N, C-alpha and C. Protein backbone atom coordinates (compact mmCIF):
# COMPACT_ATOMS: atom_id res chain seq x y z
N MET A 1 147.88 139.86 -29.81
CA MET A 1 147.16 138.96 -30.09
C MET A 1 148.03 139.35 -31.86
N LYS A 2 148.45 138.38 -32.37
CA LYS A 2 149.00 138.71 -33.49
C LYS A 2 148.06 138.69 -34.72
N THR A 3 148.44 139.24 -36.05
CA THR A 3 147.70 139.48 -36.89
C THR A 3 147.38 137.87 -37.29
N MET A 4 145.45 138.27 -37.70
CA MET A 4 145.37 137.24 -38.58
C MET A 4 145.42 136.84 -39.83
N ASP A 5 145.86 135.50 -39.86
CA ASP A 5 146.26 134.93 -41.35
C ASP A 5 144.90 135.15 -41.70
N LEU A 6 145.11 134.70 -43.77
CA LEU A 6 144.32 133.93 -44.16
C LEU A 6 144.00 132.56 -44.13
N PRO A 7 142.25 131.80 -43.24
CA PRO A 7 142.58 130.62 -42.97
C PRO A 7 142.71 129.61 -43.79
N LYS A 8 143.30 128.67 -43.58
CA LYS A 8 143.48 127.47 -44.50
C LYS A 8 141.84 127.03 -44.95
N MET A 9 141.62 126.10 -45.86
CA MET A 9 140.32 125.38 -46.16
C MET A 9 140.28 124.43 -45.03
N SER A 10 139.11 123.90 -44.52
CA SER A 10 139.42 122.90 -43.89
C SER A 10 139.64 121.55 -44.70
N THR A 11 139.88 120.21 -44.10
CA THR A 11 140.31 119.34 -45.35
C THR A 11 138.87 118.18 -44.70
N VAL A 12 138.23 118.39 -43.97
CA VAL A 12 137.07 117.57 -43.61
C VAL A 12 136.05 118.18 -44.31
N LYS A 13 134.91 117.66 -45.14
CA LYS A 13 134.01 118.29 -45.83
C LYS A 13 132.82 117.08 -45.80
N PRO A 14 131.30 117.28 -45.58
CA PRO A 14 130.48 116.76 -46.01
C PRO A 14 130.56 116.29 -47.61
N ARG A 15 129.94 115.18 -47.86
CA ARG A 15 129.33 114.68 -49.22
C ARG A 15 128.86 115.19 -50.25
N PHE A 16 128.99 116.15 -51.08
CA PHE A 16 127.86 116.91 -51.76
C PHE A 16 128.37 116.42 -52.91
N ARG A 17 127.04 116.32 -54.03
CA ARG A 17 127.43 116.84 -55.22
C ARG A 17 127.74 117.84 -55.88
N TYR A 18 128.78 118.04 -56.56
CA TYR A 18 129.44 119.35 -57.12
C TYR A 18 128.20 119.58 -58.01
N GLN A 19 127.80 120.88 -58.36
CA GLN A 19 126.97 121.47 -59.49
C GLN A 19 127.60 122.75 -59.59
N LYS A 20 128.17 123.19 -60.84
CA LYS A 20 128.58 124.46 -60.90
C LYS A 20 127.35 125.31 -61.18
N PRO A 21 127.69 126.58 -60.18
CA PRO A 21 126.64 127.56 -60.68
C PRO A 21 126.65 128.10 -62.04
N SER A 22 125.73 128.56 -62.36
CA SER A 22 126.13 129.59 -63.49
C SER A 22 126.29 131.04 -63.05
N VAL A 23 127.05 131.53 -63.27
CA VAL A 23 127.61 133.01 -62.71
C VAL A 23 127.97 133.74 -64.32
N SER A 24 127.02 134.94 -64.10
CA SER A 24 127.57 135.51 -65.87
C SER A 24 128.51 137.05 -65.50
N SER A 25 128.41 137.84 -65.90
CA SER A 25 129.22 139.17 -66.29
C SER A 25 127.80 140.03 -65.36
N THR A 26 126.85 139.29 -64.97
CA THR A 26 125.91 140.18 -64.18
C THR A 26 126.57 139.85 -62.70
N CYS A 27 127.00 139.01 -62.74
CA CYS A 27 127.41 138.37 -60.98
C CYS A 27 129.05 139.17 -60.84
N PRO A 28 129.38 140.33 -60.83
CA PRO A 28 130.87 140.69 -60.63
C PRO A 28 131.03 140.47 -59.60
N ASN A 29 133.06 140.69 -59.34
CA ASN A 29 133.00 140.79 -57.79
C ASN A 29 133.11 142.28 -57.33
N LEU A 30 132.95 143.24 -57.04
CA LEU A 30 133.06 144.48 -56.99
C LEU A 30 133.60 144.75 -55.77
N LEU A 31 133.78 143.65 -54.63
CA LEU A 31 135.13 144.00 -53.48
C LEU A 31 136.42 143.76 -53.79
N LYS A 32 136.62 142.88 -54.77
CA LYS A 32 137.98 142.78 -55.27
C LYS A 32 138.96 142.75 -53.93
N GLN A 33 138.55 142.02 -52.47
CA GLN A 33 139.58 141.85 -51.62
C GLN A 33 140.20 143.49 -51.05
N GLN A 34 139.02 144.14 -51.44
CA GLN A 34 139.22 145.51 -50.69
C GLN A 34 138.37 145.64 -49.33
N PHE A 35 138.76 144.87 -48.42
CA PHE A 35 138.01 144.45 -46.80
C PHE A 35 138.31 145.93 -45.54
N HIS A 36 138.00 146.99 -46.00
CA HIS A 36 137.81 147.91 -45.25
C HIS A 36 136.87 148.91 -45.78
N SER A 37 136.55 149.31 -45.08
CA SER A 37 135.03 150.65 -44.82
C SER A 37 135.36 151.77 -43.59
N LYS A 38 134.70 152.80 -44.42
CA LYS A 38 135.39 154.01 -43.45
C LYS A 38 134.46 154.02 -42.68
N GLN A 39 133.23 153.40 -42.35
CA GLN A 39 131.75 153.63 -41.91
C GLN A 39 130.90 152.29 -42.09
N PRO A 40 130.11 152.47 -40.94
CA PRO A 40 129.28 150.92 -41.12
C PRO A 40 127.92 151.03 -41.86
N ASN A 41 127.86 149.89 -42.90
CA ASN A 41 126.55 149.47 -43.60
C ASN A 41 126.89 150.01 -44.95
N ARG A 42 128.40 149.73 -45.52
CA ARG A 42 128.63 150.22 -46.53
C ARG A 42 128.51 148.88 -47.50
N ILE A 43 129.65 147.85 -46.38
CA ILE A 43 129.76 146.59 -46.99
C ILE A 43 129.50 145.47 -46.26
N TRP A 44 128.88 144.46 -46.56
CA TRP A 44 128.68 143.47 -46.07
C TRP A 44 129.06 141.94 -46.45
N VAL A 45 129.16 141.09 -45.68
CA VAL A 45 130.27 139.97 -46.28
C VAL A 45 128.91 138.90 -45.41
N SER A 46 129.15 138.06 -46.28
CA SER A 46 128.12 136.53 -46.03
C SER A 46 128.43 135.48 -46.69
N ASP A 47 128.62 134.31 -45.86
CA ASP A 47 129.07 132.61 -46.09
C ASP A 47 128.44 132.03 -45.21
N ILE A 48 128.48 130.54 -45.37
CA ILE A 48 128.02 129.33 -44.94
C ILE A 48 129.03 128.41 -44.56
N SER A 49 128.90 127.75 -43.74
CA SER A 49 129.48 126.49 -42.92
C SER A 49 128.74 126.11 -42.52
N TYR A 50 129.30 124.39 -42.88
CA TYR A 50 129.23 123.51 -42.12
C TYR A 50 128.79 122.66 -40.72
N ILE A 51 128.87 122.44 -39.53
CA ILE A 51 128.95 122.06 -38.42
C ILE A 51 128.36 120.80 -38.45
N PRO A 52 129.33 119.80 -37.57
CA PRO A 52 128.92 118.25 -37.71
C PRO A 52 127.86 118.48 -36.64
N VAL A 53 126.70 117.36 -36.23
CA VAL A 53 126.49 117.11 -35.02
C VAL A 53 126.06 115.61 -35.28
N LYS A 54 125.30 114.79 -34.55
CA LYS A 54 125.54 113.22 -33.92
C LYS A 54 124.81 112.76 -35.44
N LYS A 55 123.91 113.74 -35.85
CA LYS A 55 123.63 112.48 -37.27
C LYS A 55 123.47 113.68 -38.48
N GLY A 56 124.56 113.65 -38.72
CA GLY A 56 125.01 115.05 -40.16
C GLY A 56 125.91 116.20 -39.73
N PHE A 57 125.02 117.16 -40.28
CA PHE A 57 125.43 118.56 -40.74
C PHE A 57 124.12 119.52 -40.06
N VAL A 58 124.46 120.18 -39.74
CA VAL A 58 123.94 122.08 -39.74
C VAL A 58 124.54 122.95 -40.20
N TYR A 59 123.91 124.02 -40.69
CA TYR A 59 124.51 125.21 -41.51
C TYR A 59 124.66 125.93 -41.02
N LEU A 60 125.40 127.12 -40.72
CA LEU A 60 125.46 128.13 -40.18
C LEU A 60 125.64 129.38 -41.46
N CYS A 61 124.73 130.13 -41.21
CA CYS A 61 125.08 131.25 -42.28
C CYS A 61 125.09 132.59 -41.38
N VAL A 62 126.19 133.51 -41.64
CA VAL A 62 126.51 134.35 -41.12
C VAL A 62 126.59 135.82 -42.06
N ILE A 63 126.47 137.18 -41.77
CA ILE A 63 126.61 138.15 -42.23
C ILE A 63 127.25 139.23 -41.34
N LEU A 64 128.49 139.49 -41.69
CA LEU A 64 129.50 140.70 -41.08
C LEU A 64 129.41 142.37 -42.10
N ASP A 65 129.59 143.25 -40.62
CA ASP A 65 129.64 144.37 -41.45
C ASP A 65 131.54 144.53 -41.18
N ILE A 66 131.65 144.71 -42.68
CA ILE A 66 133.12 145.00 -42.84
C ILE A 66 134.04 146.04 -42.21
N PHE A 67 133.07 147.08 -41.85
CA PHE A 67 134.04 148.08 -41.40
C PHE A 67 134.39 147.60 -39.76
N SER A 68 133.37 147.35 -38.90
CA SER A 68 133.80 146.73 -37.62
C SER A 68 134.23 144.82 -37.33
N ARG A 69 133.42 144.33 -38.24
CA ARG A 69 133.89 142.56 -38.48
C ARG A 69 132.70 142.06 -37.14
N LYS A 70 131.62 143.30 -36.77
CA LYS A 70 130.75 142.85 -36.41
C LYS A 70 129.75 141.59 -37.32
N VAL A 71 129.31 140.39 -36.56
CA VAL A 71 127.99 139.83 -37.04
C VAL A 71 127.15 140.69 -36.89
N ILE A 72 126.32 141.21 -38.30
CA ILE A 72 125.18 142.01 -38.05
C ILE A 72 123.86 140.47 -37.86
N ALA A 73 124.16 139.44 -38.42
CA ALA A 73 122.66 138.39 -38.03
C ALA A 73 123.81 137.00 -38.71
N TRP A 74 123.06 136.30 -38.25
CA TRP A 74 123.27 134.58 -38.19
C TRP A 74 122.23 133.77 -37.70
N ASN A 75 122.17 132.83 -38.43
CA ASN A 75 120.97 131.40 -38.41
C ASN A 75 121.86 130.08 -38.58
N VAL A 76 121.06 129.61 -38.01
CA VAL A 76 121.84 128.38 -37.84
C VAL A 76 120.29 127.15 -38.38
N TYR A 77 120.30 126.39 -39.69
CA TYR A 77 119.49 125.07 -40.38
C TYR A 77 119.83 124.07 -40.25
N ALA A 78 118.78 123.37 -40.34
CA ALA A 78 119.07 121.92 -40.64
C ALA A 78 119.61 121.69 -42.42
N SER A 79 119.17 122.68 -43.09
CA SER A 79 119.62 122.21 -44.42
C SER A 79 120.22 123.68 -44.87
N MET A 80 121.31 123.22 -46.09
CA MET A 80 121.59 124.76 -46.58
C MET A 80 120.48 125.03 -48.12
N THR A 81 119.84 125.90 -47.65
CA THR A 81 119.30 126.60 -48.69
C THR A 81 119.23 127.99 -48.89
N ALA A 82 118.67 128.06 -49.90
CA ALA A 82 118.09 129.73 -50.23
C ALA A 82 117.40 130.50 -48.99
N LYS A 83 116.68 129.87 -48.38
CA LYS A 83 115.71 130.34 -47.31
C LYS A 83 117.04 131.12 -46.29
N LEU A 84 117.59 129.51 -45.84
CA LEU A 84 118.57 130.39 -44.78
C LEU A 84 119.58 131.39 -45.03
N VAL A 85 119.41 131.82 -45.95
CA VAL A 85 120.37 133.10 -46.64
C VAL A 85 119.24 134.23 -46.29
N CYS A 86 118.13 133.71 -47.04
CA CYS A 86 117.34 134.96 -47.35
C CYS A 86 116.96 135.79 -45.94
N ASP A 87 116.70 134.63 -45.09
CA ASP A 87 116.40 134.84 -43.45
C ASP A 87 117.52 135.86 -42.78
N THR A 88 118.74 135.42 -43.35
CA THR A 88 119.30 136.09 -42.08
C THR A 88 119.61 137.22 -43.19
N VAL A 89 119.40 137.60 -44.47
CA VAL A 89 119.46 138.48 -44.76
C VAL A 89 118.28 139.65 -44.64
N GLU A 90 117.54 138.91 -43.97
CA GLU A 90 115.96 139.83 -43.86
C GLU A 90 116.39 140.41 -42.02
N ARG A 91 117.02 139.35 -41.21
CA ARG A 91 117.77 139.80 -39.88
C ARG A 91 118.44 140.77 -40.08
N ALA A 92 119.41 140.75 -40.35
CA ALA A 92 120.36 142.32 -41.07
C ALA A 92 119.55 143.06 -41.13
N VAL A 93 118.79 143.36 -42.03
CA VAL A 93 118.33 144.40 -42.79
C VAL A 93 117.66 144.98 -41.49
N TYR A 94 117.21 144.56 -40.92
CA TYR A 94 115.91 144.71 -39.69
C TYR A 94 116.78 145.21 -38.65
N SER A 95 117.90 144.53 -38.44
CA SER A 95 118.78 145.26 -37.04
C SER A 95 119.45 146.51 -37.20
N ARG A 96 119.80 146.36 -38.82
CA ARG A 96 120.69 147.48 -39.40
C ARG A 96 120.35 149.05 -39.64
N LYS A 97 118.99 148.31 -40.23
CA LYS A 97 118.30 149.45 -41.21
C LYS A 97 119.25 150.42 -42.19
N PRO A 98 119.69 149.57 -42.75
CA PRO A 98 120.55 150.84 -43.71
C PRO A 98 120.09 151.75 -44.36
N MET A 99 120.56 153.39 -44.43
CA MET A 99 119.49 154.39 -45.22
C MET A 99 120.37 154.34 -46.94
N GLN A 100 121.17 153.29 -47.09
CA GLN A 100 121.35 153.59 -48.75
C GLN A 100 122.18 152.60 -49.30
N SER A 101 121.81 152.51 -50.55
CA SER A 101 123.07 151.15 -50.96
C SER A 101 124.40 150.96 -50.73
N PHE A 102 124.23 149.45 -50.66
CA PHE A 102 125.49 148.99 -50.31
C PHE A 102 125.96 147.86 -50.79
N ILE A 103 127.24 147.42 -50.66
CA ILE A 103 127.89 145.97 -51.54
C ILE A 103 127.70 145.43 -50.41
N PHE A 104 126.65 143.93 -51.06
CA PHE A 104 126.74 142.48 -50.12
C PHE A 104 127.31 141.66 -50.72
N HIS A 105 128.29 141.14 -50.52
CA HIS A 105 129.42 140.32 -51.28
C HIS A 105 129.15 138.75 -50.75
N SER A 106 129.54 138.02 -51.40
CA SER A 106 129.20 135.94 -51.20
C SER A 106 130.05 135.49 -51.85
N ASP A 107 130.03 134.04 -51.81
CA ASP A 107 130.49 133.21 -53.13
C ASP A 107 128.93 133.10 -53.70
N CYS A 108 129.51 132.16 -54.52
CA CYS A 108 128.61 132.11 -56.11
C CYS A 108 127.73 130.86 -55.82
N GLY A 109 127.04 130.44 -54.72
CA GLY A 109 126.81 128.98 -54.60
C GLY A 109 125.25 129.43 -54.94
N SER A 110 124.78 128.56 -55.07
CA SER A 110 122.95 128.63 -55.36
C SER A 110 122.30 129.10 -54.87
N GLN A 111 122.52 129.24 -53.23
CA GLN A 111 122.13 130.02 -52.47
C GLN A 111 122.00 131.69 -52.14
N TYR A 112 123.02 131.70 -52.96
CA TYR A 112 123.24 133.10 -53.11
C TYR A 112 123.08 133.69 -54.44
N LEU A 113 122.90 132.98 -55.08
CA LEU A 113 122.17 133.41 -56.67
C LEU A 113 120.65 132.97 -56.76
N SER A 114 119.83 132.44 -55.75
CA SER A 114 118.65 132.47 -55.92
C SER A 114 117.54 133.52 -56.19
N GLN A 115 116.47 133.11 -57.04
CA GLN A 115 115.70 134.73 -57.66
C GLN A 115 114.79 135.19 -55.77
N ASP A 116 114.45 134.53 -55.02
CA ASP A 116 113.86 134.98 -53.66
C ASP A 116 115.26 135.99 -53.24
N LEU A 117 116.09 135.73 -53.15
CA LEU A 117 117.54 136.62 -52.39
C LEU A 117 117.49 137.66 -53.55
N ARG A 118 117.32 137.61 -54.76
CA ARG A 118 117.60 138.87 -55.59
C ARG A 118 116.67 140.01 -55.62
N GLN A 119 115.11 139.36 -55.19
CA GLN A 119 114.21 140.11 -54.86
C GLN A 119 114.54 141.08 -53.23
N ILE A 120 114.86 140.52 -52.59
CA ILE A 120 115.00 141.03 -51.03
C ILE A 120 116.54 141.84 -51.70
N GLN A 121 117.13 141.77 -51.57
CA GLN A 121 118.39 142.65 -52.81
C GLN A 121 117.89 143.61 -53.22
N GLU A 122 117.26 143.78 -54.35
CA GLU A 122 116.56 144.76 -54.90
C GLU A 122 115.48 145.79 -53.54
N LYS A 123 115.10 144.66 -53.09
CA LYS A 123 114.20 145.81 -52.15
C LYS A 123 114.47 146.55 -51.24
N HIS A 124 116.03 146.09 -50.92
CA HIS A 124 116.71 146.78 -49.49
C HIS A 124 118.00 147.51 -50.45
N ASN A 125 118.35 147.66 -51.35
CA ASN A 125 119.32 148.00 -52.39
C ASN A 125 120.25 147.60 -52.02
N LEU A 126 120.42 146.34 -51.83
CA LEU A 126 121.69 145.58 -51.85
C LEU A 126 122.32 145.58 -53.12
N VAL A 127 123.80 145.45 -53.56
CA VAL A 127 124.53 145.66 -54.31
C VAL A 127 125.04 144.34 -54.53
N PRO A 128 124.95 143.02 -55.48
CA PRO A 128 125.57 141.75 -54.96
C PRO A 128 126.68 142.02 -55.84
N SER A 129 127.85 141.59 -54.73
CA SER A 129 129.32 141.09 -54.94
C SER A 129 129.31 139.48 -55.36
N TYR A 130 130.07 139.22 -55.71
CA TYR A 130 130.48 137.74 -55.74
C TYR A 130 132.26 137.44 -55.76
N SER A 131 132.45 136.27 -55.21
CA SER A 131 133.65 135.91 -55.21
C SER A 131 134.35 134.96 -56.54
N LYS A 132 135.03 135.05 -56.87
CA LYS A 132 135.05 133.69 -57.97
C LYS A 132 134.83 132.67 -57.47
N LEU A 133 135.06 131.56 -58.12
CA LEU A 133 134.29 130.17 -57.91
C LEU A 133 135.80 129.49 -57.78
N ALA A 134 135.41 128.69 -55.97
CA ALA A 134 136.52 127.91 -55.92
C ALA A 134 137.55 128.80 -55.09
N TYR A 135 137.48 130.19 -54.79
CA TYR A 135 138.21 131.20 -54.98
C TYR A 135 138.06 131.70 -53.23
N PRO A 136 138.50 131.09 -52.27
CA PRO A 136 137.94 131.65 -50.86
C PRO A 136 138.84 132.82 -50.26
N TRP A 137 139.79 133.18 -50.72
CA TRP A 137 140.55 134.50 -50.70
C TRP A 137 139.50 135.72 -50.84
N ASP A 138 138.82 135.75 -52.15
CA ASP A 138 137.65 136.76 -51.96
C ASP A 138 136.64 137.01 -51.52
N ASN A 139 136.55 135.82 -50.64
CA ASN A 139 135.75 136.20 -48.96
C ASN A 139 136.46 136.05 -47.56
N ALA A 140 137.67 136.30 -47.71
CA ALA A 140 138.69 135.87 -46.79
C ALA A 140 137.59 136.61 -45.45
N VAL A 141 137.15 137.72 -44.89
CA VAL A 141 136.44 137.75 -43.67
C VAL A 141 136.07 137.03 -43.05
N THR A 142 134.92 136.35 -44.03
CA THR A 142 133.92 135.68 -43.17
C THR A 142 134.86 133.87 -43.10
N GLU A 143 135.78 133.89 -43.67
CA GLU A 143 136.56 132.68 -43.88
C GLU A 143 137.33 132.26 -42.56
N SER A 144 138.10 133.52 -42.39
CA SER A 144 138.84 134.18 -41.27
C SER A 144 137.90 134.34 -40.02
N PHE A 145 136.73 134.44 -39.96
CA PHE A 145 135.42 134.32 -38.89
C PHE A 145 135.00 133.02 -38.26
N PHE A 146 135.33 132.09 -39.58
CA PHE A 146 134.55 130.88 -39.12
C PHE A 146 135.93 130.08 -38.58
N LYS A 147 137.17 130.52 -39.28
CA LYS A 147 138.19 129.77 -38.71
C LYS A 147 138.32 129.57 -37.43
N TYR A 148 138.26 130.68 -36.65
CA TYR A 148 138.49 131.18 -35.41
C TYR A 148 137.51 130.80 -34.36
N MET A 149 136.43 130.70 -35.00
CA MET A 149 135.00 130.32 -34.15
C MET A 149 134.88 128.84 -33.95
N LYS A 150 135.55 128.24 -35.05
CA LYS A 150 135.52 126.50 -34.87
C LYS A 150 136.79 126.34 -33.86
N LYS A 151 137.89 127.38 -34.14
CA LYS A 151 138.84 126.83 -33.05
C LYS A 151 138.86 127.24 -31.85
N GLU A 152 138.23 128.67 -31.48
CA GLU A 152 138.07 128.88 -30.04
C GLU A 152 136.65 128.36 -29.42
N GLU A 153 135.51 127.64 -30.26
CA GLU A 153 134.38 127.08 -29.74
C GLU A 153 133.89 125.63 -30.23
N LEU A 154 133.72 125.83 -31.78
CA LEU A 154 132.86 124.85 -31.89
C LEU A 154 133.49 123.29 -32.14
N ASN A 155 134.91 123.54 -32.34
CA ASN A 155 136.05 122.23 -32.68
C ASN A 155 136.31 121.59 -31.13
N ARG A 156 135.59 122.07 -30.20
CA ARG A 156 136.25 121.85 -28.91
C ARG A 156 135.26 121.00 -28.31
N ARG A 157 133.85 120.75 -28.96
CA ARG A 157 132.57 120.28 -28.40
C ARG A 157 132.25 119.51 -29.53
N LYS A 158 131.33 118.68 -28.97
CA LYS A 158 130.69 117.88 -30.02
C LYS A 158 129.36 118.26 -29.41
N PHE A 159 128.37 118.31 -30.91
CA PHE A 159 127.32 118.08 -30.44
C PHE A 159 126.14 117.18 -31.13
N SER A 160 124.91 117.33 -30.70
CA SER A 160 124.33 116.13 -30.49
C SER A 160 122.99 116.54 -31.52
N SER A 161 122.61 118.28 -31.27
CA SER A 161 121.49 118.43 -32.05
C SER A 161 121.21 120.26 -32.62
N LEU A 162 120.55 120.35 -33.39
CA LEU A 162 120.82 122.04 -34.21
C LEU A 162 120.38 122.91 -32.72
N GLU A 163 119.69 122.39 -31.62
CA GLU A 163 119.50 124.03 -30.70
C GLU A 163 120.71 123.58 -29.83
N GLU A 164 121.61 122.73 -29.63
CA GLU A 164 122.52 122.36 -29.01
C GLU A 164 123.36 123.77 -29.81
N VAL A 165 123.78 123.65 -31.30
CA VAL A 165 124.65 124.56 -32.22
C VAL A 165 124.72 125.92 -32.19
N LYS A 166 122.82 125.88 -31.91
CA LYS A 166 122.37 127.35 -31.93
C LYS A 166 123.03 128.09 -30.54
N LEU A 167 122.77 127.32 -29.63
CA LEU A 167 123.17 127.96 -28.04
C LEU A 167 124.39 127.64 -28.22
N ALA A 168 125.70 127.23 -28.34
CA ALA A 168 126.90 127.74 -28.86
C ALA A 168 127.35 128.86 -29.66
N CYS A 169 126.48 128.91 -30.66
CA CYS A 169 126.81 130.29 -31.78
C CYS A 169 126.83 131.45 -30.76
N PHE A 170 125.14 131.36 -30.22
CA PHE A 170 124.56 132.63 -29.06
C PHE A 170 125.76 132.37 -28.26
N GLU A 171 126.37 131.64 -27.62
CA GLU A 171 127.03 132.29 -26.63
C GLU A 171 128.44 132.59 -26.94
N TYR A 172 129.20 132.10 -28.23
CA TYR A 172 130.07 132.79 -28.40
C TYR A 172 129.57 134.15 -30.04
N ILE A 173 129.10 134.20 -30.41
CA ILE A 173 128.81 135.47 -31.02
C ILE A 173 128.40 136.94 -30.24
N GLU A 174 127.70 136.24 -29.62
CA GLU A 174 126.72 137.71 -28.50
C GLU A 174 127.37 137.39 -27.54
N GLY A 175 128.18 136.63 -26.86
CA GLY A 175 128.51 136.83 -25.37
C GLY A 175 129.98 136.96 -25.69
N PHE A 176 130.94 136.49 -26.60
CA PHE A 176 132.48 136.64 -26.50
C PHE A 176 132.68 137.43 -27.20
N TYR A 177 132.91 137.28 -28.88
CA TYR A 177 133.03 137.88 -29.45
C TYR A 177 132.70 139.18 -30.23
N HIS A 178 131.24 139.22 -30.24
CA HIS A 178 130.95 140.84 -30.11
C HIS A 178 131.65 141.95 -29.09
N SER A 179 131.67 141.54 -27.97
CA SER A 179 131.99 142.36 -26.96
C SER A 179 133.20 142.51 -26.49
N LYS A 180 133.95 140.85 -26.32
CA LYS A 180 135.40 141.12 -25.84
C LYS A 180 136.14 140.41 -26.76
N ARG A 181 136.13 139.88 -27.85
CA ARG A 181 137.53 139.58 -28.79
C ARG A 181 138.31 140.83 -29.65
N PRO A 182 139.15 140.88 -29.22
CA PRO A 182 139.98 141.98 -29.92
C PRO A 182 140.43 141.48 -31.62
N HIS A 183 140.20 142.32 -32.60
CA HIS A 183 140.21 142.00 -33.52
C HIS A 183 141.06 143.37 -34.47
N SER A 184 142.16 142.71 -35.09
CA SER A 184 143.39 143.38 -36.22
C SER A 184 143.04 144.07 -36.31
N ALA A 185 141.80 144.03 -37.46
CA ALA A 185 141.15 144.78 -38.47
C ALA A 185 140.51 146.69 -37.54
N ASN A 186 140.66 146.05 -36.41
CA ASN A 186 139.81 147.46 -35.53
C ASN A 186 140.63 147.87 -34.65
N LYS A 187 141.99 147.36 -34.85
CA LYS A 187 143.27 147.86 -34.02
C LYS A 187 142.88 147.33 -32.40
N PHE A 188 142.57 145.95 -32.66
CA PHE A 188 142.59 145.36 -31.40
C PHE A 188 141.76 145.65 -30.62
N LEU A 189 140.87 146.64 -30.86
CA LEU A 189 139.15 146.96 -30.47
C LEU A 189 138.25 145.84 -30.75
N SER A 190 136.99 145.41 -29.86
CA SER A 190 136.48 144.52 -30.08
C SER A 190 135.04 144.73 -31.29
N PRO A 191 134.35 144.29 -31.98
CA PRO A 191 133.39 144.94 -32.97
C PRO A 191 132.33 145.84 -32.55
N ASN A 192 131.82 145.45 -30.97
CA ASN A 192 130.88 146.37 -30.17
C ASN A 192 131.70 147.48 -30.28
N LEU A 193 133.07 147.70 -29.42
CA LEU A 193 133.98 148.74 -29.16
C LEU A 193 134.16 149.65 -30.04
N LYS A 194 134.76 148.98 -31.43
CA LYS A 194 135.04 149.77 -32.75
C LYS A 194 133.52 150.12 -33.31
N GLU A 195 132.14 149.76 -33.00
CA GLU A 195 130.86 150.77 -33.63
C GLU A 195 130.74 151.60 -32.79
N LEU A 196 130.96 151.37 -31.16
CA LEU A 196 131.00 152.33 -30.22
C LEU A 196 132.00 153.61 -30.61
N ALA A 197 132.83 153.63 -30.74
CA ALA A 197 133.63 154.68 -31.09
C ALA A 197 133.46 155.00 -32.44
N PHE A 198 133.09 154.77 -33.31
CA PHE A 198 132.40 155.44 -34.75
C PHE A 198 131.05 156.17 -34.24
N LEU A 199 130.14 155.57 -33.71
CA LEU A 199 129.44 156.85 -32.75
C LEU A 199 129.28 157.99 -32.01
N ASN A 200 130.70 157.87 -31.21
CA ASN A 200 131.02 158.83 -30.03
C ASN A 200 131.87 159.99 -31.26
N ASP A 201 132.83 159.30 -32.30
CA ASP A 201 133.26 160.54 -33.09
C ASP A 201 132.30 161.16 -34.32
N SER A 202 131.26 160.65 -34.26
CA SER A 202 130.29 161.23 -35.45
C SER A 202 129.76 162.01 -34.27
N SER A 203 129.10 161.63 -33.64
CA SER A 203 128.19 163.04 -32.43
C SER A 203 128.34 164.19 -32.15
């Protein structure tokens, strides 16, 4: 499999009224495009992507662990709100149970700057890090994941409902991506095999 290139941004987008989020010096980019980690639960990255359905769009939020590129949590909601992100973060924390503080990187959209998310980050020792505005290369890992997920699964199908999208996401992420899809960043191991190798080396 060829090394993955940085994905091009999709040219088809839903029509949203753009509002520039207020990002201050308290929202730094700590990741700085260093997309590598020597162990799990040191850097998580997150983003939201829209998926067309019969009547509009639904929204997929994912959180990946940089170490293995595993999708440690995901949710599909009918609206792109802070609650979508908050619920996904809570699911990731419950699943991984991190023992120390670590970087949580995202874009600077309003969903990631909400006070509700900030409280969750403080509670679980997540250190926020943000991409520059309108600069997807700062979050290239999630951009690449969405690119290949859409190419390999979502863009091949037409969906009528949110539930159909959820099922397709489950089949792709849990049934294929985690266990079967080789990843160049993992020396062509799947995310599950990369984490298993780490556990074996640590024992």
